[in-house]
Amino acid sequence: MKLLLITAVAEFGKEVKQILKKANVKTYSYREVVGYRNASEDALGTNWFGTEMNENESILFYAFVQKENVDKVCADVSSFNAKQETLSHIHVAVLNIEKSN
């Protein structure tokens, strides 16, 4: 059993749900979150937002998933990200679960 964490800009929420469905992840939770990026080290001319502190409407998904389903989610997310022309991507993290009930 793995804990799957997925973050993305809110606009990708529908796509994340489709990826989870395609990977046979039937139970998950999600919530809206504020994504934050400190761009103070970026040159102002290359910073699309024009400020040092950026906040974005984001979404966080989390689910307890079997390993074979995690591999499918990761592959589909990689495929989705490869097709993106924007700087935003879907991000996935996978944590091992030592105990659960």
PDB file of N, CA and C in Angstrom:
ATOM      1  N   MET A   1       0.844  -1.179   0.000  1.00  0.00           N
ATOM      2  CA  MET A   1       0.000   0.000   0.000  1.00  0.00           C
ATOM      3  C   MET A   1       0.884   1.234   0.000  1.00  0.00           C
ATOM      4  N   LYS A   2       0.517   2.211  -0.794  1.00  0.00           N
ATOM      5  CA  LYS A   2       1.258   3.461  -0.920  1.00  0.00           C
ATOM      6  C   LYS A   2       0.311   4.628  -0.677  1.00  0.00           C
ATOM      7  N   LEU A   3       0.868   5.742  -0.214  1.00  0.00           N
ATOM      8  CA  LEU A   3       0.116   6.986  -0.116  1.00  0.00           C
ATOM      9  C   LEU A   3       0.527   7.828  -1.306  1.00  0.00           C
ATOM     10  N   LEU A   4      -0.445   8.144  -2.131  1.00  0.00           N
ATOM     11  CA  LEU A   4      -0.226   8.901  -3.348  1.00  0.00           C
ATOM     12  C   LEU A   4      -0.650  10.341  -3.101  1.00  0.00           C
ATOM     13  N   LEU A   5       0.252  11.285  -3.380  1.00  0.00           N
ATOM     14  CA  LEU A   5      -0.041  12.709  -3.268  1.00  0.00           C
ATOM     15  C   LEU A   5       0.133  13.338  -4.640  1.00  0.00           C
ATOM     16  N   ILE A   6      -0.853  14.089  -5.063  1.00  0.00           N
ATOM     17  CA  ILE A   6      -0.805  14.749  -6.365  1.00  0.00           C
ATOM     18  C   ILE A   6      -1.148  16.213  -6.166  1.00  0.00           C
ATOM     19  N   THR A   7      -0.306  17.091  -6.700  1.00  0.00           N
ATOM     20  CA  THR A   7      -0.607  18.523  -6.671  1.00  0.00           C
ATOM     21  C   THR A   7      -0.601  19.052  -8.094  1.00  0.00           C
ATOM     22  N   ALA A   8      -1.436  20.038  -8.319  1.00  0.00           N
ATOM     23  CA  ALA A   8      -1.536  20.664  -9.637  1.00  0.00           C
ATOM     24  C   ALA A   8      -2.260  21.989  -9.486  1.00  0.00           C
ATOM     25  N   VAL A   9      -2.157  22.824 -10.512  1.00  0.00           N
ATOM     26  CA  VAL A   9      -2.975  24.028 -10.525  1.00  0.00           C
ATOM     27  C   VAL A   9      -4.428  23.588 -10.647  1.00  0.00           C
ATOM     28  N   ALA A  10      -5.329  24.388 -10.133  1.00  0.00           N
ATOM     29  CA  ALA A  10      -6.750  24.018 -10.097  1.00  0.00           C
ATOM     30  C   ALA A  10      -7.297  23.687 -11.482  1.00  0.00           C
ATOM     31  N   GLU A  11      -6.761  24.316 -12.511  1.00  0.00           N
ATOM     32  CA  GLU A  11      -7.246  24.080 -13.874  1.00  0.00           C
ATOM     33  C   GLU A  11      -7.031  22.642 -14.338  1.00  0.00           C
ATOM     34  N   PHE A  12      -6.111  21.907 -13.691  1.00  0.00           N
ATOM     35  CA  PHE A  12      -5.837  20.528 -14.073  1.00  0.00           C
ATOM     36  C   PHE A  12      -6.647  19.518 -13.255  1.00  0.00           C
ATOM     37  N   GLY A  13      -7.560  19.982 -12.426  1.00  0.00           N
ATOM     38  CA  GLY A  13      -8.338  19.089 -11.571  1.00  0.00           C
ATOM     39  C   GLY A  13      -9.079  18.007 -12.344  1.00  0.00           C
ATOM     40  N   LYS A  14      -9.713  18.381 -13.434  1.00  0.00           N
ATOM     41  CA  LYS A  14     -10.461  17.426 -14.253  1.00  0.00           C
ATOM     42  C   LYS A  14      -9.524  16.358 -14.824  1.00  0.00           C
ATOM     43  N   GLU A  15      -8.364  16.772 -15.291  1.00  0.00           N
ATOM     44  CA  GLU A  15      -7.397  15.839 -15.865  1.00  0.00           C
ATOM     45  C   GLU A  15      -6.871  14.869 -14.806  1.00  0.00           C
ATOM     46  N   VAL A  16      -6.614  15.365 -13.597  1.00  0.00           N
ATOM     47  CA  VAL A  16      -6.143  14.485 -12.522  1.00  0.00           C
ATOM     48  C   VAL A  16      -7.202  13.437 -12.209  1.00  0.00           C
ATOM     49  N   LYS A  17      -8.453  13.853 -12.141  1.00  0.00           N
ATOM     50  CA  LYS A  17      -9.530  12.888 -11.878  1.00  0.00           C
ATOM     51  C   LYS A  17      -9.595  11.825 -12.966  1.00  0.00           C
ATOM     52  N   GLN A  18      -9.394  12.216 -14.217  1.00  0.00           N
ATOM     53  CA  GLN A  18      -9.395  11.249 -15.321  1.00  0.00           C
ATOM     54  C   GLN A  18      -8.214  10.284 -15.209  1.00  0.00           C
ATOM     55  N   ILE A  19      -7.058  10.789 -14.833  1.00  0.00           N
ATOM     56  CA  ILE A  19      -5.881   9.936 -14.652  1.00  0.00           C
ATOM     57  C   ILE A  19      -6.141   8.916 -13.549  1.00  0.00           C
ATOM     58  N   LEU A  20      -6.719   9.350 -12.436  1.00  0.00           N
ATOM     59  CA  LEU A  20      -7.018   8.435 -11.340  1.00  0.00           C
ATOM     60  C   LEU A  20      -8.036   7.383 -11.768  1.00  0.00           C
ATOM     61  N   LYS A  21      -9.049   7.803 -12.480  1.00  0.00           N
ATOM     62  CA  LYS A  21     -10.067   6.861 -12.955  1.00  0.00           C
ATOM     63  C   LYS A  21      -9.453   5.824 -13.889  1.00  0.00           C
ATOM     64  N   LYS A  22      -8.624   6.281 -14.814  1.00  0.00           N
ATOM     65  CA  LYS A  22      -7.978   5.396 -15.786  1.00  0.00           C
ATOM     66  C   LYS A  22      -7.060   4.388 -15.091  1.00  0.00           C
ATOM     67  N   ALA A  23      -6.459   4.776 -13.972  1.00  0.00           N
ATOM     68  CA  ALA A  23      -5.566   3.899 -13.206  1.00  0.00           C
ATOM     69  C   ALA A  23      -6.328   3.051 -12.188  1.00  0.00           C
ATOM     70  N   ASN A  24      -7.649   3.098 -12.252  1.00  0.00           N
ATOM     71  CA  ASN A  24      -8.515   2.299 -11.376  1.00  0.00           C
ATOM     72  C   ASN A  24      -8.377   2.681  -9.893  1.00  0.00           C
ATOM     73  N   VAL A  25      -8.105   3.959  -9.642  1.00  0.00           N
ATOM     74  CA  VAL A  25      -8.099   4.490  -8.275  1.00  0.00           C
ATOM     75  C   VAL A  25      -9.516   4.999  -8.032  1.00  0.00           C
ATOM     76  N   LYS A  26     -10.276   4.218  -7.266  1.00  0.00           N
ATOM     77  CA  LYS A  26     -11.695   4.519  -7.098  1.00  0.00           C
ATOM     78  C   LYS A  26     -11.997   5.390  -5.889  1.00  0.00           C
ATOM     79  N   THR A  27     -11.072   5.427  -4.941  1.00  0.00           N
ATOM     80  CA  THR A  27     -11.303   6.193  -3.718  1.00  0.00           C
ATOM     81  C   THR A  27     -10.137   7.143  -3.491  1.00  0.00           C
ATOM     82  N   TYR A  28     -10.446   8.411  -3.382  1.00  0.00           N
ATOM     83  CA  TYR A  28      -9.431   9.419  -3.119  1.00  0.00           C
ATOM     84  C   TYR A  28     -10.097  10.622  -2.488  1.00  0.00           C
ATOM     85  N   SER A  29      -9.286  11.496  -1.959  1.00  0.00           N
ATOM     86  CA  SER A  29      -9.766  12.765  -1.411  1.00  0.00           C
ATOM     87  C   SER A  29      -9.024  13.886  -2.106  1.00  0.00           C
ATOM     88  N   TYR A  30      -9.636  15.043  -2.121  1.00  0.00           N
ATOM     89  CA  TYR A  30      -8.944  16.207  -2.663  1.00  0.00           C
ATOM     90  C   TYR A  30      -9.453  17.457  -1.977  1.00  0.00           C
ATOM     91  N   ARG A  31      -8.620  18.473  -2.050  1.00  0.00           N
ATOM     92  CA  ARG A  31      -9.021  19.764  -1.490  1.00  0.00           C
ATOM     93  C   ARG A  31      -8.285  20.874  -2.212  1.00  0.00           C
ATOM     94  N   GLU A  32      -8.932  22.005  -2.228  1.00  0.00           N
ATOM     95  CA  GLU A  32      -8.320  23.182  -2.830  1.00  0.00           C
ATOM     96  C   GLU A  32      -7.282  23.736  -1.860  1.00  0.00           C
ATOM     97  N   VAL A  33      -6.153  24.120  -2.400  1.00  0.00           N
ATOM     98  CA  VAL A  33      -5.076  24.685  -1.592  1.00  0.00           C
ATOM     99  C   VAL A  33      -4.509  25.896  -2.318  1.00  0.00           C
ATOM    100  N   VAL A  34      -3.743  26.673  -1.613  1.00  0.00           N
ATOM    101  CA  VAL A  34      -3.053  27.810  -2.229  1.00  0.00           C
ATOM    102  C   VAL A  34      -1.626  27.379  -2.489  1.00  0.00           C
ATOM    103  N   GLY A  35      -1.239  27.378  -3.754  1.00  0.00           N
ATOM    104  CA  GLY A  35       0.139  27.088  -4.122  1.00  0.00           C
ATOM    105  C   GLY A  35       0.957  28.358  -3.989  1.00  0.00           C
ATOM    106  N   TYR A  36       2.155  28.228  -3.514  1.00  0.00           N
ATOM    107  CA  TYR A  36       3.004  29.386  -3.257  1.00  0.00           C
ATOM    108  C   TYR A  36       4.364  29.165  -3.900  1.00  0.00           C
ATOM    109  N   ARG A  37       4.887  30.182  -4.522  1.00  0.00           N
ATOM    110  CA  ARG A  37       6.222  30.122  -5.120  1.00  0.00           C
ATOM    111  C   ARG A  37       6.962  31.401  -4.794  1.00  0.00           C
ATOM    112  N   ASN A  38       8.125  31.263  -4.184  1.00  0.00           N
ATOM    113  CA  ASN A  38       8.979  32.400  -3.891  1.00  0.00           C
ATOM    114  C   ASN A  38       9.902  32.595  -5.077  1.00  0.00           C
ATOM    115  N   ALA A  39       9.656  33.627  -5.845  1.00  0.00           N
ATOM    116  CA  ALA A  39      10.441  33.890  -7.048  1.00  0.00           C
ATOM    117  C   ALA A  39      11.445  35.013  -6.832  1.00  0.00           C
ATOM    118  N   SER A  40      11.835  35.256  -5.607  1.00  0.00           N
ATOM    119  CA  SER A  40      12.725  36.389  -5.326  1.00  0.00           C
ATOM    120  C   SER A  40      14.090  36.235  -5.974  1.00  0.00           C
ATOM    121  N   GLU A  41      14.505  35.007  -6.306  1.00  0.00           N
ATOM    122  CA  GLU A  41      15.805  34.805  -6.933  1.00  0.00           C
ATOM    123  C   GLU A  41      15.728  34.861  -8.459  1.00  0.00           C
ATOM    124  N   ASP A  42      14.517  34.888  -9.030  1.00  0.00           N
ATOM    125  CA  ASP A  42      14.349  34.987 -10.478  1.00  0.00           C
ATOM    126  C   ASP A  42      14.571  36.423 -10.932  1.00  0.00           C
ATOM    127  N   ALA A  43      15.117  36.586 -12.106  1.00  0.00           N
ATOM    128  CA  ALA A  43      15.239  37.925 -12.682  1.00  0.00           C
ATOM    129  C   ALA A  43      13.842  38.455 -12.966  1.00  0.00           C
ATOM    130  N   LEU A  44      13.577  39.688 -12.622  1.00  0.00           N
ATOM    131  CA  LEU A  44      12.238  40.254 -12.779  1.00  0.00           C
ATOM    132  C   LEU A  44      11.744  40.161 -14.215  1.00  0.00           C
ATOM    133  N   GLY A  45      12.625  40.262 -15.190  1.00  0.00           N
ATOM    134  CA  GLY A  45      12.237  40.177 -16.595  1.00  0.00           C
ATOM    135  C   GLY A  45      11.782  38.790 -17.011  1.00  0.00           C
ATOM    136  N   THR A  46      12.224  37.732 -16.300  1.00  0.00           N
ATOM    137  CA  THR A  46      11.834  36.362 -16.648  1.00  0.00           C
ATOM    138  C   THR A  46      10.698  35.870 -15.769  1.00  0.00           C
ATOM    139  N   ASN A  47      10.296  36.673 -14.804  1.00  0.00           N
ATOM    140  CA  ASN A  47       9.226  36.289 -13.882  1.00  0.00           C
ATOM    141  C   ASN A  47       7.887  36.704 -14.495  1.00  0.00           C
ATOM    142  N   TRP A  48       7.112  35.726 -14.916  1.00  0.00           N
ATOM    143  CA  TRP A  48       5.838  35.982 -15.596  1.00  0.00           C
ATOM    144  C   TRP A  48       4.886  36.795 -14.732  1.00  0.00           C
ATOM    145  N   PHE A  49       4.911  36.597 -13.418  1.00  0.00           N
ATOM    146  CA  PHE A  49       3.979  37.288 -12.532  1.00  0.00           C
ATOM    147  C   PHE A  49       4.417  38.713 -12.213  1.00  0.00           C
ATOM    148  N   GLY A  50       5.695  39.024 -12.376  1.00  0.00           N
ATOM    149  CA  GLY A  50       6.179  40.374 -12.139  1.00  0.00           C
ATOM    150  C   GLY A  50       6.342  40.734 -10.677  1.00  0.00           C
ATOM    151  N   THR A  51       6.189  39.773  -9.781  1.00  0.00           N
ATOM    152  CA  THR A  51       6.406  40.013  -8.358  1.00  0.00           C
ATOM    153  C   THR A  51       7.246  38.870  -7.810  1.00  0.00           C
ATOM    154  N   GLU A  52       7.733  39.055  -6.593  1.00  0.00           N
ATOM    155  CA  GLU A  52       8.552  38.012  -5.982  1.00  0.00           C
ATOM    156  C   GLU A  52       7.719  36.899  -5.360  1.00  0.00           C
ATOM    157  N   MET A  53       6.543  37.193  -4.882  1.00  0.00           N
ATOM    158  CA  MET A  53       5.715  36.202  -4.204  1.00  0.00           C
ATOM    159  C   MET A  53       4.512  35.857  -5.081  1.00  0.00           C
ATOM    160  N   ASN A  54       4.374  34.578  -5.406  1.00  0.00           N
ATOM    161  CA  ASN A  54       3.294  34.144  -6.278  1.00  0.00           C
ATOM    162  C   ASN A  54       2.407  33.137  -5.561  1.00  0.00           C
ATOM    163  N   GLU A  55       1.120  33.357  -5.618  1.00  0.00           N
ATOM    164  CA  GLU A  55       0.149  32.414  -5.081  1.00  0.00           C
ATOM    165  C   GLU A  55      -0.767  31.992  -6.207  1.00  0.00           C
ATOM    166  N   ASN A  56      -1.075  30.682  -6.264  1.00  0.00           N
ATOM    167  CA  ASN A  56      -1.934  30.131  -7.300  1.00  0.00           C
ATOM    168  C   ASN A  56      -3.012  29.269  -6.673  1.00  0.00           C
ATOM    169  N   GLU A  57      -4.170  29.252  -7.308  1.00  0.00           N
ATOM    170  CA  GLU A  57      -5.210  28.315  -6.888  1.00  0.00           C
ATOM    171  C   GLU A  57      -4.761  26.936  -7.338  1.00  0.00           C
ATOM    172  N   SER A  58      -4.599  26.055  -6.373  1.00  0.00           N
ATOM    173  CA  SER A  58      -4.099  24.714  -6.649  1.00  0.00           C
ATOM    174  C   SER A  58      -5.034  23.685  -6.051  1.00  0.00           C
ATOM    175  N   ILE A  59      -4.710  22.407  -6.308  1.00  0.00           N
ATOM    176  CA  ILE A  59      -5.517  21.321  -5.797  1.00  0.00           C
ATOM    177  C   ILE A  59      -4.577  20.206  -5.343  1.00  0.00           C
ATOM    178  N   LEU A  60      -4.942  19.554  -4.251  1.00  0.00           N
ATOM    179  CA  LEU A  60      -4.161  18.456  -3.683  1.00  0.00           C
ATOM    180  C   LEU A  60      -5.049  17.229  -3.613  1.00  0.00           C
ATOM    181  N   PHE A  61      -4.603  16.151  -4.242  1.00  0.00           N
ATOM    182  CA  PHE A  61      -5.292  14.863  -4.176  1.00  0.00           C
ATOM    183  C   PHE A  61      -4.462  13.930  -3.314  1.00  0.00           C
ATOM    184  N   TYR A  62      -5.124  13.058  -2.545  1.00  0.00           N
ATOM    185  CA  TYR A  62      -4.400  12.041  -1.792  1.00  0.00           C
ATOM    186  C   TYR A  62      -5.243  10.782  -1.722  1.00  0.00           C
ATOM    187  N   ALA A  63      -4.532   9.637  -1.798  1.00  0.00           N
ATOM    188  CA  ALA A  63      -5.223   8.351  -1.828  1.00  0.00           C
ATOM    189  C   ALA A  63      -4.280   7.250  -1.361  1.00  0.00           C
ATOM    190  N   PHE A  64      -4.847   6.225  -0.741  1.00  0.00           N
ATOM    191  CA  PHE A  64      -4.118   5.002  -0.433  1.00  0.00           C
ATOM    192  C   PHE A  64      -4.315   4.076  -1.628  1.00  0.00           C
ATOM    193  N   VAL A  65      -3.206   3.656  -2.247  1.00  0.00           N
ATOM    194  CA  VAL A  65      -3.269   3.000  -3.547  1.00  0.00           C
ATOM    195  C   VAL A  65      -2.341   1.783  -3.566  1.00  0.00           C
ATOM    196  N   GLN A  66      -2.750   0.750  -4.291  1.00  0.00           N
ATOM    197  CA  GLN A  66      -1.892  -0.407  -4.513  1.00  0.00           C
ATOM    198  C   GLN A  66      -0.747  -0.012  -5.451  1.00  0.00           C
ATOM    199  N   LYS A  67       0.410  -0.681  -5.302  1.00  0.00           N
ATOM    200  CA  LYS A  67       1.593  -0.317  -6.081  1.00  0.00           C
ATOM    201  C   LYS A  67       1.334  -0.329  -7.581  1.00  0.00           C
ATOM    202  N   GLU A  68       0.645  -1.331  -8.097  1.00  0.00           N
ATOM    203  CA  GLU A  68       0.423  -1.405  -9.545  1.00  0.00           C
ATOM    204  C   GLU A  68      -0.403  -0.221 -10.054  1.00  0.00           C
ATOM    205  N   ASN A  69      -1.287   0.314  -9.230  1.00  0.00           N
ATOM    206  CA  ASN A  69      -2.060   1.486  -9.616  1.00  0.00           C
ATOM    207  C   ASN A  69      -1.200   2.753  -9.582  1.00  0.00           C
ATOM    208  N   VAL A  70      -0.271   2.804  -8.638  1.00  0.00           N
ATOM    209  CA  VAL A  70       0.639   3.949  -8.536  1.00  0.00           C
ATOM    210  C   VAL A  70       1.482   4.062  -9.804  1.00  0.00           C
ATOM    211  N   ASP A  71       1.979   2.936 -10.277  1.00  0.00           N
ATOM    212  CA  ASP A  71       2.808   2.947 -11.483  1.00  0.00           C
ATOM    213  C   ASP A  71       2.021   3.492 -12.675  1.00  0.00           C
ATOM    214  N   LYS A  72       0.757   3.133 -12.790  1.00  0.00           N
ATOM    215  CA  LYS A  72      -0.085   3.610 -13.889  1.00  0.00           C
ATOM    216  C   LYS A  72      -0.316   5.116 -13.756  1.00  0.00           C
ATOM    217  N   VAL A  73      -0.600   5.597 -12.550  1.00  0.00           N
ATOM    218  CA  VAL A  73      -0.800   7.029 -12.327  1.00  0.00           C
ATOM    219  C   VAL A  73       0.460   7.797 -12.717  1.00  0.00           C
ATOM    220  N   CYS A  74       1.610   7.337 -12.257  1.00  0.00           N
ATOM    221  CA  CYS A  74       2.870   8.033 -12.556  1.00  0.00           C
ATOM    222  C   CYS A  74       3.141   8.072 -14.052  1.00  0.00           C
ATOM    223  N   ALA A  75       2.881   6.966 -14.744  1.00  0.00           N
ATOM    224  CA  ALA A  75       3.093   6.931 -16.197  1.00  0.00           C
ATOM    225  C   ALA A  75       2.153   7.900 -16.903  1.00  0.00           C
ATOM    226  N   ASP A  76       0.890   7.935 -16.497  1.00  0.00           N
ATOM    227  CA  ASP A  76      -0.077   8.826 -17.135  1.00  0.00           C
ATOM    228  C   ASP A  76       0.218  10.294 -16.844  1.00  0.00           C
ATOM    229  N   VAL A  77       0.689  10.586 -15.636  1.00  0.00           N
ATOM    230  CA  VAL A  77       1.067  11.959 -15.299  1.00  0.00           C
ATOM    231  C   VAL A  77       2.270  12.384 -16.134  1.00  0.00           C
ATOM    232  N   SER A  78       3.246  11.515 -16.280  1.00  0.00           N
ATOM    233  CA  SER A  78       4.415  11.834 -17.105  1.00  0.00           C
ATOM    234  C   SER A  78       4.009  12.104 -18.547  1.00  0.00           C
ATOM    235  N   SER A  79       3.094  11.296 -19.055  1.00  0.00           N
ATOM    236  CA  SER A  79       2.597  11.483 -20.419  1.00  0.00           C
ATOM    237  C   SER A  79       1.873  12.818 -20.551  1.00  0.00           C
ATOM    238  N   PHE A  80       1.023  13.143 -19.580  1.00  0.00           N
ATOM    239  CA  PHE A  80       0.302  14.414 -19.587  1.00  0.00           C
ATOM    240  C   PHE A  80       1.277  15.589 -19.557  1.00  0.00           C
ATOM    241  N   ASN A  81       2.256  15.525 -18.654  1.00  0.00           N
ATOM    242  CA  ASN A  81       3.215  16.625 -18.513  1.00  0.00           C
ATOM    243  C   ASN A  81       4.046  16.827 -19.779  1.00  0.00           C
ATOM    244  N   ALA A  82       4.380  15.742 -20.451  1.00  0.00           N
ATOM    245  CA  ALA A  82       5.190  15.834 -21.659  1.00  0.00           C
ATOM    246  C   ALA A  82       4.467  16.595 -22.764  1.00  0.00           C
ATOM    247  N   LYS A  83       3.157  16.594 -22.738  1.00  0.00           N
ATOM    248  CA  LYS A  83       2.360  17.256 -23.769  1.00  0.00           C
ATOM    249  C   LYS A  83       2.065  18.722 -23.436  1.00  0.00           C
ATOM    250  N   GLN A  84       2.414  19.154 -22.227  1.00  0.00           N
ATOM    251  CA  GLN A  84       2.083  20.508 -21.803  1.00  0.00           C
ATOM    252  C   GLN A  84       2.996  21.539 -22.435  1.00  0.00           C
ATOM    253  N   GLU A  85       2.405  22.621 -22.882  1.00  0.00           N
ATOM    254  CA  GLU A  85       3.175  23.748 -23.408  1.00  0.00           C
ATOM    255  C   GLU A  85       3.349  24.827 -22.343  1.00  0.00           C
ATOM    256  N   THR A  86       2.681  24.663 -21.214  1.00  0.00           N
ATOM    257  CA  THR A  86       2.780  25.631 -20.124  1.00  0.00           C
ATOM    258  C   THR A  86       3.863  25.198 -19.148  1.00  0.00           C
ATOM    259  N   LEU A  87       4.229  26.086 -18.241  1.00  0.00           N
ATOM    260  CA  LEU A  87       5.205  25.753 -17.211  1.00  0.00           C
ATOM    261  C   LEU A  87       4.594  24.903 -16.100  1.00  0.00           C
ATOM    262  N   SER A  88       3.282  24.925 -15.974  1.00  0.00           N
ATOM    263  CA  SER A  88       2.612  24.155 -14.929  1.00  0.00           C
ATOM    264  C   SER A  88       2.554  22.686 -15.307  1.00  0.00           C
ATOM    265  N   HIS A  89       2.753  21.846 -14.312  1.00  0.00           N
ATOM    266  CA  HIS A  89       2.670  20.406 -14.489  1.00  0.00           C
ATOM    267  C   HIS A  89       1.902  19.803 -13.324  1.00  0.00           C
ATOM    268  N   ILE A  90       1.543  18.562 -13.484  1.00  0.00           N
ATOM    269  CA  ILE A  90       0.994  17.777 -12.387  1.00  0.00           C
ATOM    270  C   ILE A  90       2.193  17.151 -11.675  1.00  0.00           C
ATOM    271  N   HIS A  91       2.196  17.223 -10.355  1.00  0.00           N
ATOM    272  CA  HIS A  91       3.297  16.679  -9.555  1.00  0.00           C
ATOM    273  C   HIS A  91       2.782  15.520  -8.706  1.00  0.00           C
ATOM    274  N   VAL A  92       3.556  14.428  -8.672  1.00  0.00           N
ATOM    275  CA  VAL A  92       3.170  13.228  -7.929  1.00  0.00           C
ATOM    276  C   VAL A  92       4.263  12.879  -6.934  1.00  0.00           C
ATOM    277  N   ALA A  93       3.854  12.502  -5.729  1.00  0.00           N
ATOM    278  CA  ALA A  93       4.775  11.965  -4.718  1.00  0.00           C
ATOM    279  C   ALA A  93       4.151  10.677  -4.182  1.00  0.00           C
ATOM    280  N   VAL A  94       4.995   9.706  -3.910  1.00  0.00           N
ATOM    281  CA  VAL A  94       4.527   8.418  -3.421  1.00  0.00           C
ATOM    282  C   VAL A  94       5.269   8.097  -2.128  1.00  0.00           C
ATOM    283  N   LEU A  95       4.513   7.760  -1.081  1.00  0.00           N
ATOM    284  CA  LEU A  95       5.094   7.434   0.218  1.00  0.00           C
ATOM    285  C   LEU A  95       4.743   6.000   0.582  1.00  0.00           C
ATOM    286  N   ASN A  96       5.704   5.283   1.153  1.00  0.00           N
ATOM    287  CA  ASN A  96       5.442   3.929   1.640  1.00  0.00           C
ATOM    288  C   ASN A  96       4.633   3.986   2.923  1.00  0.00           C
ATOM    289  N   ILE A  97       3.706   3.085   3.053  1.00  0.00           N
ATOM    290  CA  ILE A  97       2.911   2.972   4.276  1.00  0.00           C
ATOM    291  C   ILE A  97       3.423   1.785   5.070  1.00  0.00           C
ATOM    292  N   GLU A  98       3.940   2.030   6.278  1.00  0.00           N
ATOM    293  CA  GLU A  98       4.464   0.941   7.097  1.00  0.00           C
ATOM    294  C   GLU A  98       3.342   0.174   7.786  1.00  0.00           C
ATOM    295  N   LYS A  99       2.335   0.876   8.231  1.00  0.00           N
ATOM    296  CA  LYS A  99       1.206   0.232   8.918  1.00  0.00           C
ATOM    297  C   LYS A  99      -0.074   0.937   8.522  1.00  0.00           C
ATOM    298  N   SER A 100      -1.143   0.191   8.457  1.00  0.00           N
ATOM    299  CA  SER A 100      -2.464   0.786   8.234  1.00  0.00           C
ATOM    300  C   SER A 100      -3.499  -0.147   8.858  1.00  0.00           C
ATOM    301  N   ASN A 101      -4.695   0.357   9.032  1.00  0.00           N
ATOM    302  CA  ASN A 101      -5.749  -0.503   9.589  1.00  0.00           C
ATOM    303  C   ASN A 101      -6.944  -0.533   8.702  1.00  0.00           C
TER     304      ASN A 101
END
